[in-house]
């Protein structure tokens, strides 16, 4: 009986050791896979951040170009407004001169008719 119990104990010990070994192997495998996933996640995050940085830089350049274009257009509009005011002033002066010339012509015609 004692021999049988010792034999069963040894068998159970071997089975326990095998199970423990399997568990250790499985744990090592899970840790390795977790490490690989973590590395892949970190790489993906880095690539994502790099893409965001690149997109932001591109957007900043485009925004700056738009600001410059807006500034240029504002300057152009301002100069066009000044030109319009200048032309209006010239038109008014020409209209006044024309009115004076027509009045003078009218006076000359009256004088000639007499």
N, C-alpha and C. Protein backbone atom coordinates (compact mmCIF):
# COMPACT_ATOMS: atom_id res chain seq x y z
N UNK A 1 0.83 -1.20 0.00
CA UNK A 1 0.00 0.00 0.00
C UNK A 1 0.86 1.25 0.00
N UNK A 2 1.91 1.20 0.83
CA UNK A 2 2.82 2.34 0.92
C UNK A 2 3.51 2.59 -0.41
N UNK A 3 3.95 1.50 -1.03
CA UNK A 3 4.61 1.61 -2.33
C UNK A 3 3.66 2.21 -3.36
N UNK A 4 2.40 1.78 -3.35
CA UNK A 4 1.39 2.29 -4.29
C UNK A 4 1.15 3.78 -4.04
N UNK A 5 1.07 4.19 -2.79
CA UNK A 5 0.85 5.60 -2.44
C UNK A 5 2.03 6.44 -2.87
N UNK A 6 3.24 5.96 -2.65
CA UNK A 6 4.45 6.67 -3.07
C UNK A 6 4.48 6.81 -4.58
N UNK A 7 4.11 5.74 -5.25
CA UNK A 7 4.07 5.75 -6.71
C UNK A 7 3.04 6.76 -7.21
N UNK A 8 1.86 6.76 -6.57
CA UNK A 8 0.82 7.73 -6.97
C UNK A 8 1.29 9.14 -6.69
N UNK A 9 1.97 9.32 -5.55
CA UNK A 9 2.49 10.65 -5.18
C UNK A 9 3.49 11.12 -6.23
N UNK A 10 4.39 10.22 -6.62
CA UNK A 10 5.39 10.57 -7.63
C UNK A 10 4.73 10.90 -8.96
N UNK A 11 3.71 10.11 -9.31
CA UNK A 11 2.97 10.35 -10.56
C UNK A 11 2.29 11.71 -10.51
N UNK A 12 1.65 12.00 -9.37
CA UNK A 12 0.99 13.31 -9.20
C UNK A 12 2.00 14.45 -9.25
N UNK A 13 3.16 14.23 -8.66
CA UNK A 13 4.21 15.25 -8.67
C UNK A 13 4.68 15.51 -10.09
N UNK A 14 4.86 14.42 -10.88
CA UNK A 14 5.26 14.57 -12.28
C UNK A 14 4.16 15.30 -13.08
N UNK A 15 2.90 14.93 -12.81
CA UNK A 15 1.78 15.59 -13.50
C UNK A 15 1.73 17.07 -13.14
N UNK A 16 1.93 17.36 -11.86
CA UNK A 16 1.93 18.75 -11.40
C UNK A 16 3.06 19.53 -12.05
N UNK A 17 4.22 18.92 -12.12
CA UNK A 17 5.37 19.57 -12.74
C UNK A 17 5.11 19.82 -14.22
N UNK A 18 4.50 18.84 -14.90
CA UNK A 18 4.17 19.03 -16.32
C UNK A 18 3.19 20.17 -16.51
N UNK A 19 2.16 20.19 -15.65
CA UNK A 19 1.16 21.26 -15.74
C UNK A 19 1.82 22.61 -15.46
N UNK A 20 2.69 22.65 -14.43
CA UNK A 20 3.39 23.90 -14.11
C UNK A 20 4.27 24.35 -15.28
N UNK A 21 4.96 23.39 -15.91
CA UNK A 21 5.79 23.71 -17.07
C UNK A 21 4.95 24.25 -18.23
N UNK A 22 3.81 23.59 -18.45
CA UNK A 22 2.91 24.05 -19.51
C UNK A 22 2.41 25.47 -19.22
N UNK A 23 2.07 25.70 -17.94
CA UNK A 23 1.60 27.03 -17.55
C UNK A 23 2.70 28.09 -17.75
N UNK A 24 3.91 27.72 -17.37
CA UNK A 24 5.03 28.65 -17.55
C UNK A 24 5.25 28.95 -19.03
N UNK A 25 5.19 27.91 -19.85
CA UNK A 25 5.35 28.10 -21.30
C UNK A 25 4.24 29.00 -21.84
N UNK A 26 3.01 28.73 -21.40
CA UNK A 26 1.87 29.52 -21.86
C UNK A 26 2.03 30.98 -21.40
N UNK A 27 2.47 31.16 -20.14
CA UNK A 27 2.67 32.50 -19.60
C UNK A 27 3.75 33.24 -20.40
N UNK A 28 4.84 32.52 -20.71
CA UNK A 28 5.92 33.12 -21.51
C UNK A 28 5.40 33.52 -22.89
N UNK A 29 4.61 32.64 -23.49
CA UNK A 29 4.05 32.91 -24.81
C UNK A 29 3.12 34.14 -24.76
N UNK A 30 2.29 34.18 -23.73
CA UNK A 30 1.36 35.33 -23.59
C UNK A 30 2.14 36.63 -23.39
N UNK A 31 3.19 36.56 -22.56
CA UNK A 31 4.01 37.76 -22.32
C UNK A 31 4.70 38.22 -23.61
N UNK A 32 5.20 37.24 -24.38
CA UNK A 32 5.86 37.57 -25.64
C UNK A 32 4.87 38.22 -26.61
N UNK A 33 3.66 37.62 -26.71
CA UNK A 33 2.64 38.18 -27.59
C UNK A 33 2.22 39.57 -27.14
N UNK A 34 2.07 39.75 -25.83
CA UNK A 34 1.69 41.06 -25.29
C UNK A 34 2.76 42.10 -25.62
N UNK A 35 4.01 41.68 -25.49
CA UNK A 35 5.12 42.58 -25.82
C UNK A 35 5.11 42.95 -27.30
N UNK A 36 4.86 41.96 -28.16
CA UNK A 36 4.78 42.22 -29.60
C UNK A 36 3.64 43.19 -29.92
N UNK A 37 2.46 42.95 -29.29
CA UNK A 37 1.32 43.83 -29.52
C UNK A 37 1.61 45.25 -29.03
N UNK A 38 2.28 45.33 -27.87
CA UNK A 38 2.64 46.64 -27.33
C UNK A 38 3.59 47.37 -28.29
N UNK A 39 4.58 46.65 -28.80
CA UNK A 39 5.52 47.25 -29.75
C UNK A 39 4.80 47.72 -31.01
N UNK A 40 3.88 46.88 -31.51
CA UNK A 40 3.13 47.25 -32.71
C UNK A 40 2.24 48.46 -32.44
N UNK A 41 1.64 48.50 -31.25
CA UNK A 41 0.79 49.64 -30.88
C UNK A 41 1.63 50.92 -30.79
N UNK A 42 2.78 50.82 -30.16
CA UNK A 42 3.66 51.99 -30.05
C UNK A 42 4.10 52.47 -31.43
N UNK A 43 4.41 51.53 -32.32
CA UNK A 43 4.81 51.88 -33.69
C UNK A 43 3.66 52.55 -34.42
N UNK A 44 2.45 52.00 -34.27
CA UNK A 44 1.28 52.58 -34.93
C UNK A 44 1.00 53.98 -34.38
N UNK A 45 1.14 54.15 -33.07
CA UNK A 45 0.94 55.47 -32.47
C UNK A 45 1.98 56.46 -32.99
N UNK A 46 3.22 56.02 -33.11
CA UNK A 46 4.28 56.89 -33.62
C UNK A 46 3.98 57.29 -35.06
N UNK A 47 3.58 56.32 -35.89
CA UNK A 47 3.26 56.62 -37.28
C UNK A 47 2.07 57.58 -37.37
N UNK A 48 1.07 57.35 -36.51
CA UNK A 48 -0.10 58.22 -36.47
C UNK A 48 0.31 59.64 -36.08
N UNK A 49 1.15 59.75 -35.04
CA UNK A 49 1.60 61.07 -34.58
C UNK A 49 2.43 61.76 -35.67
N UNK A 50 3.29 61.00 -36.35
CA UNK A 50 4.09 61.57 -37.43
C UNK A 50 3.19 62.08 -38.55
N UNK A 51 2.15 61.30 -38.88
CA UNK A 51 1.22 61.72 -39.93
C UNK A 51 0.47 62.98 -39.51
N UNK A 52 0.06 63.03 -38.24
CA UNK A 52 -0.63 64.23 -37.74
C UNK A 52 0.29 65.45 -37.79
N UNK A 53 1.51 65.27 -37.38
CA UNK A 53 2.48 66.37 -37.39
C UNK A 53 2.69 66.88 -38.81
N UNK A 54 2.86 65.93 -39.74
CA UNK A 54 3.06 66.30 -41.13
C UNK A 54 1.84 67.04 -41.68
N UNK A 55 0.64 66.53 -41.37
CA UNK A 55 -0.60 67.17 -41.84
C UNK A 55 -0.74 68.57 -41.23
N UNK A 56 -0.40 68.69 -39.95
CA UNK A 56 -0.48 70.00 -39.29
C UNK A 56 0.49 71.00 -39.92
N UNK A 57 1.69 70.54 -40.22
CA UNK A 57 2.67 71.42 -40.86
C UNK A 57 2.17 71.87 -42.23
N UNK A 58 1.63 70.92 -42.99
CA UNK A 58 1.09 71.24 -44.31
C UNK A 58 -0.04 72.26 -44.18
N UNK A 59 -0.92 72.02 -43.20
CA UNK A 59 -2.04 72.95 -42.98
C UNK A 59 -1.54 74.33 -42.59
N UNK A 60 -0.51 74.39 -41.74
CA UNK A 60 0.04 75.68 -41.34
C UNK A 60 0.58 76.44 -42.55
N UNK A 61 1.26 75.73 -43.44
CA UNK A 61 1.79 76.37 -44.65
C UNK A 61 0.64 76.89 -45.51
N UNK A 62 -0.41 76.07 -45.66
CA UNK A 62 -1.56 76.49 -46.47
C UNK A 62 -2.28 77.67 -45.82
N UNK A 63 -2.42 77.64 -44.50
CA UNK A 63 -3.07 78.75 -43.78
C UNK A 63 -2.26 80.03 -43.98
N UNK A 64 -0.94 79.92 -43.85
CA UNK A 64 -0.09 81.10 -44.03
C UNK A 64 -0.23 81.65 -45.45
N UNK A 65 -0.28 80.76 -46.44
CA UNK A 65 -0.45 81.20 -47.83
C UNK A 65 -1.80 81.90 -48.00
N UNK A 66 -2.83 81.36 -47.35
CA UNK A 66 -4.16 81.99 -47.42
C UNK A 66 -4.14 83.37 -46.76
N UNK A 67 -3.47 83.47 -45.62
CA UNK A 67 -3.37 84.77 -44.95
C UNK A 67 -2.67 85.80 -45.85
N UNK A 68 -1.61 85.35 -46.50
CA UNK A 68 -0.88 86.25 -47.40
C UNK A 68 -1.76 86.67 -48.57
N UNK A 69 -2.52 85.72 -49.12
CA UNK A 69 -3.41 86.04 -50.23
C UNK A 69 -4.50 87.02 -49.79
N UNK A 70 -5.07 86.76 -48.60
CA UNK A 70 -6.09 87.67 -48.06
C UNK A 70 -5.51 89.07 -47.88
N UNK A 71 -4.33 89.13 -47.32
CA UNK A 71 -3.67 90.42 -47.11
C UNK A 71 -3.45 91.14 -48.44
N UNK A 72 -2.99 90.38 -49.43
CA UNK A 72 -2.76 90.94 -50.76
C UNK A 72 -4.06 91.45 -51.37
N UNK A 73 -5.13 90.66 -51.24
CA UNK A 73 -6.43 91.07 -51.78
C UNK A 73 -6.98 92.29 -51.04
N UNK A 74 -6.79 92.34 -49.74
CA UNK A 74 -7.23 93.51 -48.97
C UNK A 74 -6.50 94.76 -49.44
N UNK A 75 -5.20 94.62 -49.67
CA UNK A 75 -4.41 95.75 -50.17
C UNK A 75 -4.91 96.17 -51.55
N UNK A 76 -5.16 95.19 -52.41
CA UNK A 76 -5.66 95.48 -53.76
C UNK A 76 -7.02 96.19 -53.69
N UNK A 77 -7.93 95.68 -52.83
CA UNK A 77 -9.25 96.31 -52.68
C UNK A 77 -9.10 97.75 -52.18
N UNK A 78 -8.23 97.93 -51.23
CA UNK A 78 -7.99 99.28 -50.68
C UNK A 78 -7.49 100.22 -51.79
N UNK A 79 -6.55 99.75 -52.58
CA UNK A 79 -6.03 100.60 -53.67
C UNK A 79 -7.10 100.86 -54.72
N UNK A 80 -7.96 99.87 -54.97
CA UNK A 80 -9.05 100.06 -55.94
C UNK A 80 -10.07 101.07 -55.42
N UNK A 81 -10.35 101.04 -54.11
CA UNK A 81 -11.26 102.03 -53.53
C UNK A 81 -10.70 103.44 -53.68
N UNK A 82 -9.39 103.56 -53.43
CA UNK A 82 -8.75 104.88 -53.59
C UNK A 82 -8.84 105.33 -55.05
N UNK A 83 -8.60 104.41 -55.96
CA UNK A 83 -8.69 104.73 -57.39
C UNK A 83 -10.11 105.16 -57.76
N UNK A 84 -11.11 104.45 -57.22
CA UNK A 84 -12.51 104.80 -57.50
C UNK A 84 -12.82 106.20 -56.98
N UNK A 85 -12.35 106.50 -55.77
CA UNK A 85 -12.57 107.85 -55.21
C UNK A 85 -11.89 108.91 -56.08
N UNK A 86 -10.69 108.61 -56.52
CA UNK A 86 -9.96 109.53 -57.39
C UNK A 86 -10.72 109.75 -58.70
N UNK A 87 -11.22 108.67 -59.28
CA UNK A 87 -11.98 108.78 -60.54
C UNK A 87 -13.28 109.54 -60.33
N UNK A 88 -13.96 109.31 -59.21
CA UNK A 88 -15.18 110.05 -58.90
C UNK A 88 -14.90 111.55 -58.81
N UNK A 89 -13.79 111.86 -58.13
CA UNK A 89 -13.40 113.27 -57.98
C UNK A 89 -13.10 113.88 -59.34
N UNK A 90 -12.36 113.15 -60.18
CA UNK A 90 -12.06 113.64 -61.53
C UNK A 90 -13.34 113.82 -62.34
N UNK A 91 -14.27 112.89 -62.21
CA UNK A 91 -15.53 112.97 -62.94
C UNK A 91 -16.30 114.22 -62.51
N UNK A 92 -16.32 114.45 -61.21
CA UNK A 92 -17.03 115.63 -60.70
C UNK A 92 -16.39 116.92 -61.23
N UNK A 93 -15.05 116.94 -61.23
CA UNK A 93 -14.35 118.12 -61.75
C UNK A 93 -14.64 118.30 -63.24
N UNK A 94 -14.62 117.17 -63.98
CA UNK A 94 -14.90 117.26 -65.42
C UNK A 94 -16.34 117.70 -65.66
N UNK A 95 -17.29 117.20 -64.86
CA UNK A 95 -18.68 117.62 -65.00
C UNK A 95 -18.84 119.12 -64.72
N UNK A 96 -18.14 119.58 -63.69
CA UNK A 96 -18.20 121.01 -63.37
C UNK A 96 -17.59 121.84 -64.50
N UNK A 97 -16.45 121.38 -65.03
CA UNK A 97 -15.81 122.09 -66.14
C UNK A 97 -16.72 122.10 -67.37
N UNK A 98 -17.36 120.96 -67.64
CA UNK A 98 -18.29 120.87 -68.77
C UNK A 98 -19.47 121.81 -68.58
N UNK A 99 -20.00 121.86 -67.37
CA UNK A 99 -21.11 122.75 -67.07
C UNK A 99 -20.70 124.21 -67.29
N UNK A 100 -19.51 124.57 -66.80
CA UNK A 100 -19.01 125.93 -66.98
C UNK A 100 -18.79 126.23 -68.46
N UNK A 101 -18.24 125.26 -69.19
CA UNK A 101 -18.00 125.47 -70.62
C UNK A 101 -19.33 125.64 -71.37
N UNK A 102 -20.33 124.84 -71.00
CA UNK A 102 -21.66 124.97 -71.63
C UNK A 102 -22.29 126.32 -71.30
N UNK A 103 -22.11 126.77 -70.09
CA UNK A 103 -22.65 128.09 -69.72
C UNK A 103 -21.94 129.20 -70.51
N UNK A 104 -20.62 129.06 -70.60
CA UNK A 104 -19.86 130.06 -71.35
C UNK A 104 -20.27 130.04 -72.82
N UNK A 105 -20.47 128.83 -73.37
CA UNK A 105 -20.91 128.71 -74.76
C UNK A 105 -22.28 129.34 -74.94
N UNK A 106 -23.13 129.05 -73.96
CA UNK A 106 -24.47 129.64 -74.00
C UNK A 106 -24.40 131.15 -73.99
N UNK A 107 -23.53 131.73 -73.19
CA UNK A 107 -23.36 133.19 -73.13
C UNK A 107 -22.83 133.72 -74.45
N UNK A 108 -21.85 132.99 -75.01
CA UNK A 108 -21.29 133.43 -76.29
C UNK A 108 -22.33 133.40 -77.39
N UNK A 109 -23.16 132.33 -77.38
CA UNK A 109 -24.20 132.23 -78.41
C UNK A 109 -25.23 133.36 -78.24
N UNK A 110 -25.57 133.69 -77.02
CA UNK A 110 -26.51 134.80 -76.77
C UNK A 110 -25.91 136.11 -77.28
N UNK A 111 -24.62 136.29 -76.98
CA UNK A 111 -23.94 137.52 -77.40
C UNK A 111 -23.88 137.59 -78.91
N UNK A 112 -23.64 136.49 -79.58
CA UNK A 112 -23.52 136.45 -81.02
C UNK A 112 -24.87 136.71 -81.67
N UNK A 113 -25.91 136.17 -81.09
CA UNK A 113 -27.25 136.34 -81.64
C UNK A 113 -27.65 137.80 -81.54
N UNK A 114 -27.28 138.59 -80.62
CA UNK A 114 -27.64 139.97 -80.45
C UNK A 114 -26.96 140.78 -81.46
